[in-house]
Amino acid sequence: MVAAFLHRTLSLAAAATFLQWQDEALAADPTAAGGGLVQLQEPQSAGFSSELLGSFLDQTYGQALGVLLGVGRGLKAMEFLNSWPHGVLFLVDPYIHLRRGYDREENVDDSAQQKNYEDLRNKLHDDPRVQGRYSFVREFSFAVPAIWREKKWGPDPMFIFLDAIPSRGAVRTDLETWWPLLAAGGLMA
């Protein structure tokens, strides 16, 4: 238990240190690496894909809680619920149009956001395989960990999947707010 705690704590410290180094490098030379963006190597396959993640979760954690940040139309939610048959997912998404800082085709207007939510809600409601295995949380992802602790929604999640706003600041905020809630030995992807 102590080893898992230390691993999780050291991993968070390593992530924070990396982000600090990146900030310092960009502050020293904001034009470095292509106009302020850190150049990373091309991703290499690890022989593992997000499509296999649900079966990995089922084999590794079995009956456990997970969180999906950024649900949208629900393709990832359906994938996880179908491939992780013993998992319970909290589906976190405010389902509103964001007026600044998220210029992507998924950021549809409020009425389309509401339709996405209702379509997914109806699809999940009609699927007997997922009954009792999901809960919608219509809130911004960064606000949920404090509510989770205050309301005692359940044990700390074993799995947290970040699929929300992909900006550096939003990802950093999600990491900082959700990492302390991740159960020891859990997985964040």
Protein backbone atom coordinates (compact mmCIF):
# COMPACT_ATOMS: atom_id res chain seq x y z
CA MET A 1 0.00 0.00 0.00
CA VAL A 2 2.84 2.37 0.86
CA ALA A 3 4.58 1.48 -2.42
CA ALA A 4 1.43 2.24 -4.43
CA PHE A 5 1.02 5.56 -2.61
CA LEU A 6 4.65 6.47 -3.23
CA HIS A 7 4.39 5.46 -6.89
CA ARG A 8 1.29 7.60 -7.37
CA THR A 9 2.82 10.52 -5.46
CA LEU A 10 6.14 10.27 -7.29
CA SER A 11 4.36 10.04 -10.65
CA LEU A 12 2.42 13.22 -9.86
CA ALA A 13 5.63 14.93 -8.77
CA ALA A 14 7.32 13.82 -12.00
CA ALA A 15 4.43 15.16 -14.10
CA ALA A 16 4.49 18.46 -12.21
CA THR A 17 8.27 18.70 -12.59
CA PHE A 18 8.02 18.04 -16.34
CA LEU A 19 5.39 20.76 -16.75
CA GLN A 20 7.53 23.17 -14.69
CA TRP A 21 10.58 22.43 -16.84
CA GLN A 22 8.52 22.95 -19.96
CA ASP A 23 7.22 26.29 -18.63
CA GLU A 24 10.75 27.42 -17.76
CA ALA A 25 12.10 26.43 -21.19
CA LEU A 26 9.32 28.30 -22.96
CA ALA A 27 9.77 31.35 -20.69
CA ALA A 28 13.49 31.42 -21.50
CA ASP A 29 12.88 31.20 -25.26
CA PRO A 30 9.23 31.49 -26.31
CA THR A 31 10.15 31.06 -29.98
CA ALA A 32 11.95 27.79 -29.38
CA ALA A 33 10.51 24.58 -30.75
CA GLY A 34 8.27 26.06 -33.38
CA GLY A 35 6.73 29.15 -31.84
CA GLY A 36 6.43 28.04 -28.25
CA LEU A 37 5.32 24.46 -28.83
CA VAL A 38 7.56 21.73 -27.51
CA GLN A 39 8.46 19.38 -30.35
CA LEU A 40 7.82 15.79 -29.39
CA GLN A 41 8.89 12.66 -31.18
CA GLU A 42 6.36 10.87 -33.32
CA PRO A 43 4.29 8.53 -31.11
CA GLN A 44 5.40 4.92 -31.24
CA SER A 45 2.97 2.03 -30.98
CA ALA A 46 3.07 0.16 -27.70
CA GLY A 47 1.00 -2.63 -29.21
CA PHE A 48 -2.00 -1.37 -27.27
CA SER A 49 -4.92 0.75 -28.36
CA SER A 50 -7.80 2.55 -26.70
CA GLU A 51 -10.11 -0.06 -28.23
CA LEU A 52 -8.49 -2.68 -25.98
CA LEU A 53 -8.60 -0.50 -22.88
CA GLY A 54 -12.02 -1.71 -21.70
CA SER A 55 -11.00 -5.38 -21.73
CA PHE A 56 -7.75 -4.44 -19.94
CA LEU A 57 -9.81 -2.63 -17.27
CA ASP A 58 -12.11 -5.62 -16.88
CA GLN A 59 -9.19 -8.04 -16.50
CA THR A 60 -7.20 -5.74 -14.21
CA TYR A 61 -9.83 -4.06 -12.03
CA GLY A 62 -13.05 -6.00 -12.64
CA GLN A 63 -15.85 -4.40 -10.67
CA ALA A 64 -14.63 -0.85 -10.09
CA LEU A 65 -15.51 2.79 -10.65
CA GLY A 66 -14.25 4.77 -13.61
CA VAL A 67 -14.66 8.34 -14.83
CA LEU A 68 -14.87 9.60 -18.40
CA LEU A 69 -14.10 13.31 -18.68
CA GLY A 70 -15.59 14.77 -21.85
CA VAL A 71 -18.42 12.56 -23.05
CA GLY A 72 -19.78 14.42 -26.08
CA ARG A 73 -21.80 12.14 -28.36
CA GLY A 74 -20.86 9.17 -26.18
CA LEU A 75 -18.82 6.98 -28.50
CA LYS A 76 -16.10 6.40 -25.88
CA ALA A 77 -18.72 5.91 -23.15
CA MET A 78 -20.45 3.18 -25.18
CA GLU A 79 -17.11 1.58 -25.99
CA PHE A 80 -16.05 1.44 -22.32
CA LEU A 81 -19.44 0.25 -21.07
CA ASN A 82 -19.49 -2.53 -23.68
CA SER A 83 -15.88 -3.67 -23.26
CA TRP A 84 -15.70 -3.27 -19.44
CA PRO A 85 -18.85 -5.20 -18.42
CA HIS A 86 -18.09 -5.05 -14.68
CA GLY A 87 -17.19 -1.36 -14.56
CA VAL A 88 -19.33 1.56 -13.44
CA LEU A 89 -18.70 4.88 -15.21
CA PHE A 90 -19.31 8.45 -14.17
CA LEU A 91 -19.83 10.40 -17.41
CA VAL A 92 -18.64 13.98 -16.81
CA ASP A 93 -19.55 16.67 -19.34
CA PRO A 94 -21.38 19.99 -18.89
CA TYR A 95 -23.02 19.61 -22.32
CA ILE A 96 -22.83 23.32 -23.10
CA HIS A 97 -21.25 25.34 -25.88
CA LEU A 98 -17.94 26.86 -24.80
CA ARG A 99 -17.64 30.34 -26.18
CA ARG A 100 -13.86 30.75 -25.75
CA GLY A 101 -10.81 28.54 -25.90
CA TYR A 102 -12.30 25.48 -27.58
CA ASP A 103 -12.55 25.95 -31.33
CA ARG A 104 -13.32 22.44 -32.52
CA GLU A 105 -16.16 20.89 -34.45
CA GLU A 106 -17.28 18.98 -31.31
CA ASN A 107 -18.03 22.33 -29.62
CA VAL A 108 -21.53 22.61 -31.06
CA ASP A 109 -24.18 25.11 -29.95
CA ASP A 110 -26.20 24.59 -26.76
CA SER A 111 -29.20 22.98 -28.46
CA ALA A 112 -26.96 20.45 -30.25
CA GLN A 113 -25.14 19.77 -26.94
CA GLN A 114 -28.50 19.07 -25.29
CA LYS A 115 -29.46 16.78 -28.18
CA ASN A 116 -26.15 14.88 -27.80
CA TYR A 117 -26.90 14.39 -24.12
CA GLU A 118 -30.51 13.28 -24.68
CA ASP A 119 -29.55 10.90 -27.51
CA LEU A 120 -26.88 9.23 -25.37
CA ARG A 121 -29.15 9.15 -22.31
CA ASN A 122 -31.88 7.42 -24.34
CA LYS A 123 -29.44 4.99 -25.96
CA LEU A 124 -28.03 3.99 -22.56
CA HIS A 125 -31.49 3.78 -21.00
CA ASP A 126 -32.61 1.36 -23.72
CA ASP A 127 -29.54 -0.90 -23.41
CA PRO A 128 -30.14 -3.54 -20.68
CA ARG A 129 -26.42 -4.45 -20.61
CA VAL A 130 -25.47 -1.08 -19.10
CA GLN A 131 -28.34 -0.52 -16.66
CA GLY A 132 -27.03 0.59 -13.25
CA ARG A 133 -23.51 1.00 -14.59
CA TYR A 134 -23.33 4.70 -15.44
CA SER A 135 -24.18 8.07 -14.02
CA PHE A 136 -24.22 11.42 -15.83
CA VAL A 137 -22.52 14.36 -14.13
CA ARG A 138 -23.35 17.57 -16.00
CA GLU A 139 -20.56 19.74 -14.66
CA PHE A 140 -17.14 21.02 -15.72
CA SER A 141 -14.54 18.32 -15.13
CA PHE A 142 -12.34 20.41 -12.83
CA ALA A 143 -15.22 21.00 -10.38
CA VAL A 144 -16.21 17.37 -9.88
CA PRO A 145 -13.41 16.03 -7.59
CA ALA A 146 -14.33 18.47 -4.79
CA ILE A 147 -18.01 17.53 -5.14
CA TRP A 148 -17.07 13.82 -5.20
CA ARG A 149 -15.27 14.16 -1.87
CA GLU A 150 -17.92 16.39 -0.29
CA LYS A 151 -20.90 14.22 -1.32
CA LYS A 152 -19.01 10.92 -0.83
CA TRP A 153 -20.16 9.53 -4.17
CA GLY A 154 -18.17 6.36 -3.66
CA PRO A 155 -14.67 5.01 -3.40
CA ASP A 156 -11.94 6.72 -5.36
CA PRO A 157 -12.09 5.77 -9.04
CA MET A 158 -9.68 3.15 -10.33
CA PHE A 159 -9.79 4.62 -13.83
CA ILE A 160 -9.98 8.18 -15.16
CA PHE A 161 -10.03 8.85 -18.90
CA LEU A 162 -9.32 12.43 -20.04
CA ASP A 163 -11.18 13.12 -23.27
CA ALA A 164 -12.26 16.68 -22.53
CA ILE A 165 -10.80 19.96 -23.83
CA PRO A 166 -7.33 19.07 -25.13
CA SER A 167 -5.70 22.45 -24.48
CA ARG A 168 -2.57 22.41 -22.34
CA GLY A 169 -4.22 24.45 -19.58
CA ALA A 170 -7.36 22.31 -19.45
CA VAL A 171 -5.39 19.06 -19.40
CA ARG A 172 -3.11 20.42 -16.69
CA THR A 173 -6.12 21.48 -14.59
CA ASP A 174 -7.75 18.07 -15.02
CA LEU A 175 -4.52 16.33 -14.03
CA GLU A 176 -4.09 18.52 -10.95
CA THR A 177 -7.70 18.12 -9.78
CA TRP A 178 -8.29 14.45 -10.64
CA TRP A 179 -4.92 12.87 -9.81
CA PRO A 180 -5.41 13.12 -6.02
CA LEU A 181 -8.79 11.35 -6.39
CA LEU A 182 -7.35 8.42 -8.39
CA ALA A 183 -7.26 5.26 -6.29
CA ALA A 184 -3.86 3.79 -5.43
CA GLY A 185 -2.92 1.44 -8.24
CA GLY A 186 -5.44 3.14 -10.54
CA LEU A 187 -5.00 4.20 -14.15
CA MET A 188 -5.33 7.62 -15.74
CA ALA A 189 -5.32 7.78 -19.53
